[in-house]
Amino acid sequence: MESEDEKVINDLVDDMFTYHSWSKDQVEKGNKVKEALAEACKVIYRNVPISSDRSSAIRKLREARMDANSAITHNGIY
């Protein structure tokens, strides 16, 4: 039998790895984030020399989008 703490942890982890469809409001917020980060990526492509640093900067923008999507999906829980 799992303890109350284990149940809470299991529920949080299960929620973290479950697909959650977005509401209209979440879609709008996600689109704003996507547009801002896509514009930043375009500026980097146009102005930063090809290099591992440029690749890293772009990868971090992609990571930022994924983390922002997660925060929108889970309403800041994690």
N, C-alpha and C. Protein backbone atom coordinates (compact mmCIF):
# COMPACT_ATOMS: atom_id res chain seq x y z
N MET A 1 0.85 -1.18 0.00
CA MET A 1 0.00 0.00 0.00
C MET A 1 0.89 1.24 0.00
N GLU A 2 0.59 2.18 -0.89
CA GLU A 2 1.42 3.37 -0.98
C GLU A 2 1.02 4.40 0.07
N SER A 3 2.01 5.13 0.56
CA SER A 3 1.75 6.18 1.54
C SER A 3 1.11 7.37 0.83
N GLU A 4 0.62 8.30 1.62
CA GLU A 4 0.00 9.51 1.06
C GLU A 4 1.02 10.30 0.23
N ASP A 5 2.26 10.40 0.72
CA ASP A 5 3.32 11.10 -0.03
C ASP A 5 3.58 10.42 -1.37
N GLU A 6 3.65 9.10 -1.37
CA GLU A 6 3.88 8.37 -2.61
C GLU A 6 2.74 8.57 -3.58
N LYS A 7 1.52 8.61 -3.08
CA LYS A 7 0.36 8.83 -3.93
C LYS A 7 0.43 10.20 -4.59
N VAL A 8 0.78 11.21 -3.82
CA VAL A 8 0.90 12.57 -4.36
C VAL A 8 1.98 12.60 -5.44
N ILE A 9 3.13 12.00 -5.14
CA ILE A 9 4.23 11.98 -6.12
C ILE A 9 3.80 11.23 -7.37
N ASN A 10 3.20 10.07 -7.21
CA ASN A 10 2.76 9.28 -8.36
C ASN A 10 1.75 10.04 -9.21
N ASP A 11 0.82 10.72 -8.55
CA ASP A 11 -0.19 11.50 -9.29
C ASP A 11 0.46 12.64 -10.06
N LEU A 12 1.42 13.34 -9.42
CA LEU A 12 2.11 14.44 -10.11
C LEU A 12 2.90 13.94 -11.31
N VAL A 13 3.63 12.85 -11.12
CA VAL A 13 4.42 12.31 -12.22
C VAL A 13 3.51 11.84 -13.35
N ASP A 14 2.43 11.16 -13.02
CA ASP A 14 1.50 10.72 -14.05
C ASP A 14 0.93 11.91 -14.81
N ASP A 15 0.58 12.97 -14.09
CA ASP A 15 0.05 14.17 -14.74
C ASP A 15 1.10 14.82 -15.64
N MET A 16 2.34 14.82 -15.17
CA MET A 16 3.44 15.45 -15.91
C MET A 16 3.64 14.78 -17.27
N PHE A 17 3.38 13.47 -17.33
CA PHE A 17 3.64 12.72 -18.55
C PHE A 17 2.36 12.34 -19.30
N THR A 18 1.28 13.02 -18.99
CA THR A 18 0.01 12.79 -19.67
C THR A 18 -0.24 13.93 -20.65
N TYR A 19 -0.76 13.58 -21.82
CA TYR A 19 -1.11 14.61 -22.81
C TYR A 19 -2.29 15.42 -22.30
N HIS A 20 -2.18 16.73 -22.41
CA HIS A 20 -3.26 17.65 -22.04
C HIS A 20 -3.55 18.55 -23.25
N SER A 21 -4.73 18.47 -23.78
CA SER A 21 -5.07 19.37 -24.89
C SER A 21 -5.25 20.78 -24.34
N TRP A 22 -4.94 21.76 -25.18
CA TRP A 22 -4.99 23.14 -24.75
C TRP A 22 -6.36 23.76 -24.99
N SER A 23 -6.71 24.70 -24.10
CA SER A 23 -7.89 25.53 -24.29
C SER A 23 -7.56 26.61 -25.33
N LYS A 24 -8.56 27.33 -25.77
CA LYS A 24 -8.35 28.42 -26.73
C LYS A 24 -7.38 29.46 -26.15
N ASP A 25 -7.53 29.78 -24.88
CA ASP A 25 -6.65 30.75 -24.22
C ASP A 25 -5.20 30.26 -24.20
N GLN A 26 -5.00 28.99 -23.92
CA GLN A 26 -3.65 28.44 -23.91
C GLN A 26 -3.03 28.46 -25.31
N VAL A 27 -3.84 28.17 -26.31
CA VAL A 27 -3.35 28.21 -27.70
C VAL A 27 -2.89 29.63 -28.04
N GLU A 28 -3.67 30.62 -27.65
CA GLU A 28 -3.29 32.01 -27.93
C GLU A 28 -1.98 32.37 -27.23
N LYS A 29 -1.83 31.96 -25.98
CA LYS A 29 -0.59 32.24 -25.25
C LYS A 29 0.59 31.52 -25.90
N GLY A 30 0.39 30.26 -26.26
CA GLY A 30 1.44 29.49 -26.90
C GLY A 30 1.87 30.10 -28.22
N ASN A 31 0.91 30.61 -28.97
CA ASN A 31 1.22 31.24 -30.25
C ASN A 31 2.05 32.51 -30.06
N LYS A 32 1.76 33.28 -29.02
CA LYS A 32 2.54 34.50 -28.74
C LYS A 32 3.97 34.15 -28.41
N VAL A 33 4.16 33.11 -27.59
CA VAL A 33 5.51 32.67 -27.24
C VAL A 33 6.22 32.18 -28.49
N LYS A 34 5.53 31.35 -29.29
CA LYS A 34 6.12 30.80 -30.52
C LYS A 34 6.56 31.92 -31.45
N GLU A 35 5.72 32.92 -31.65
CA GLU A 35 6.05 34.02 -32.55
C GLU A 35 7.26 34.80 -32.06
N ALA A 36 7.31 35.08 -30.75
CA ALA A 36 8.43 35.85 -30.20
C ALA A 36 9.74 35.08 -30.33
N LEU A 37 9.70 33.78 -30.00
CA LEU A 37 10.92 32.99 -30.07
C LEU A 37 11.34 32.73 -31.52
N ALA A 38 10.37 32.58 -32.41
CA ALA A 38 10.69 32.40 -33.83
C ALA A 38 11.36 33.66 -34.37
N GLU A 39 10.88 34.82 -33.98
CA GLU A 39 11.50 36.07 -34.42
C GLU A 39 12.92 36.17 -33.88
N ALA A 40 13.13 35.82 -32.61
CA ALA A 40 14.47 35.84 -32.04
C ALA A 40 15.39 34.89 -32.81
N CYS A 41 14.89 33.74 -33.18
CA CYS A 41 15.67 32.77 -33.94
C CYS A 41 16.06 33.34 -35.30
N LYS A 42 15.14 34.00 -35.97
CA LYS A 42 15.43 34.60 -37.28
C LYS A 42 16.49 35.68 -37.15
N VAL A 43 16.44 36.48 -36.08
CA VAL A 43 17.45 37.51 -35.86
C VAL A 43 18.82 36.87 -35.66
N ILE A 44 18.86 35.79 -34.91
CA ILE A 44 20.13 35.09 -34.70
C ILE A 44 20.65 34.55 -36.02
N TYR A 45 19.80 33.89 -36.81
CA TYR A 45 20.24 33.36 -38.12
C TYR A 45 20.81 34.46 -39.00
N ARG A 46 20.16 35.64 -38.99
CA ARG A 46 20.59 36.72 -39.88
C ARG A 46 21.84 37.44 -39.39
N ASN A 47 22.12 37.42 -38.09
CA ASN A 47 23.16 38.29 -37.54
C ASN A 47 24.32 37.61 -36.83
N VAL A 48 24.22 36.34 -36.59
CA VAL A 48 25.26 35.64 -35.85
C VAL A 48 25.99 34.68 -36.80
N PRO A 49 27.31 34.73 -36.80
CA PRO A 49 28.06 33.85 -37.70
C PRO A 49 27.78 32.37 -37.40
N ILE A 50 27.83 31.56 -38.44
CA ILE A 50 27.67 30.12 -38.28
C ILE A 50 28.74 29.64 -37.32
N SER A 51 28.29 28.98 -36.27
CA SER A 51 29.23 28.50 -35.25
C SER A 51 28.47 27.60 -34.28
N SER A 52 29.23 26.91 -33.44
CA SER A 52 28.58 26.09 -32.43
C SER A 52 27.82 26.97 -31.43
N ASP A 53 28.29 28.19 -31.20
CA ASP A 53 27.56 29.10 -30.31
C ASP A 53 26.20 29.48 -30.90
N ARG A 54 26.17 29.73 -32.21
CA ARG A 54 24.89 30.05 -32.84
C ARG A 54 23.94 28.86 -32.74
N SER A 55 24.45 27.67 -33.01
CA SER A 55 23.62 26.47 -32.89
C SER A 55 23.09 26.31 -31.47
N SER A 56 23.94 26.57 -30.50
CA SER A 56 23.53 26.47 -29.10
C SER A 56 22.45 27.50 -28.77
N ALA A 57 22.61 28.71 -29.26
CA ALA A 57 21.62 29.77 -29.00
C ALA A 57 20.26 29.37 -29.57
N ILE A 58 20.26 28.83 -30.77
CA ILE A 58 19.00 28.41 -31.40
C ILE A 58 18.39 27.24 -30.64
N ARG A 59 19.24 26.30 -30.24
CA ARG A 59 18.75 25.15 -29.48
C ARG A 59 18.11 25.61 -28.16
N LYS A 60 18.70 26.61 -27.52
CA LYS A 60 18.15 27.12 -26.26
C LYS A 60 16.82 27.82 -26.47
N LEU A 61 16.64 28.45 -27.62
CA LEU A 61 15.33 29.03 -27.93
C LEU A 61 14.28 27.93 -28.08
N ARG A 62 14.67 26.83 -28.72
CA ARG A 62 13.75 25.70 -28.86
C ARG A 62 13.41 25.13 -27.48
N GLU A 63 14.42 25.02 -26.63
CA GLU A 63 14.18 24.53 -25.26
C GLU A 63 13.27 25.49 -24.50
N ALA A 64 13.48 26.79 -24.70
CA ALA A 64 12.63 27.79 -24.04
C ALA A 64 11.18 27.62 -24.47
N ARG A 65 10.96 27.35 -25.75
CA ARG A 65 9.60 27.14 -26.22
C ARG A 65 8.98 25.91 -25.56
N MET A 66 9.75 24.83 -25.50
CA MET A 66 9.22 23.61 -24.89
C MET A 66 8.90 23.83 -23.41
N ASP A 67 9.78 24.54 -22.70
CA ASP A 67 9.53 24.81 -21.29
C ASP A 67 8.33 25.75 -21.11
N ALA A 68 8.22 26.74 -21.98
CA ALA A 68 7.06 27.64 -21.91
C ALA A 68 5.77 26.87 -22.20
N ASN A 69 5.80 25.98 -23.19
CA ASN A 69 4.62 25.16 -23.48
C ASN A 69 4.23 24.34 -22.28
N SER A 70 5.22 23.76 -21.61
CA SER A 70 4.94 22.95 -20.42
C SER A 70 4.30 23.81 -19.33
N ALA A 71 4.85 25.00 -19.13
CA ALA A 71 4.31 25.89 -18.10
C ALA A 71 2.86 26.29 -18.43
N ILE A 72 2.59 26.53 -19.72
CA ILE A 72 1.22 26.87 -20.13
C ILE A 72 0.32 25.67 -19.89
N THR A 73 0.77 24.49 -20.31
CA THR A 73 -0.03 23.28 -20.17
C THR A 73 -0.38 23.00 -18.72
N HIS A 74 0.61 23.11 -17.84
CA HIS A 74 0.42 22.73 -16.43
C HIS A 74 0.12 23.93 -15.54
N ASN A 75 -0.12 25.09 -16.14
CA ASN A 75 -0.46 26.29 -15.38
C ASN A 75 0.58 26.61 -14.31
N GLY A 76 1.85 26.40 -14.65
CA GLY A 76 2.93 26.77 -13.74
C GLY A 76 3.16 25.84 -12.57
N ILE A 77 2.57 24.65 -12.57
CA ILE A 77 2.73 23.72 -11.44
C ILE A 77 4.17 23.24 -11.31
N TYR A 78 4.83 22.99 -12.43
CA TYR A 78 6.18 22.40 -12.38
C TYR A 78 7.24 23.41 -12.70
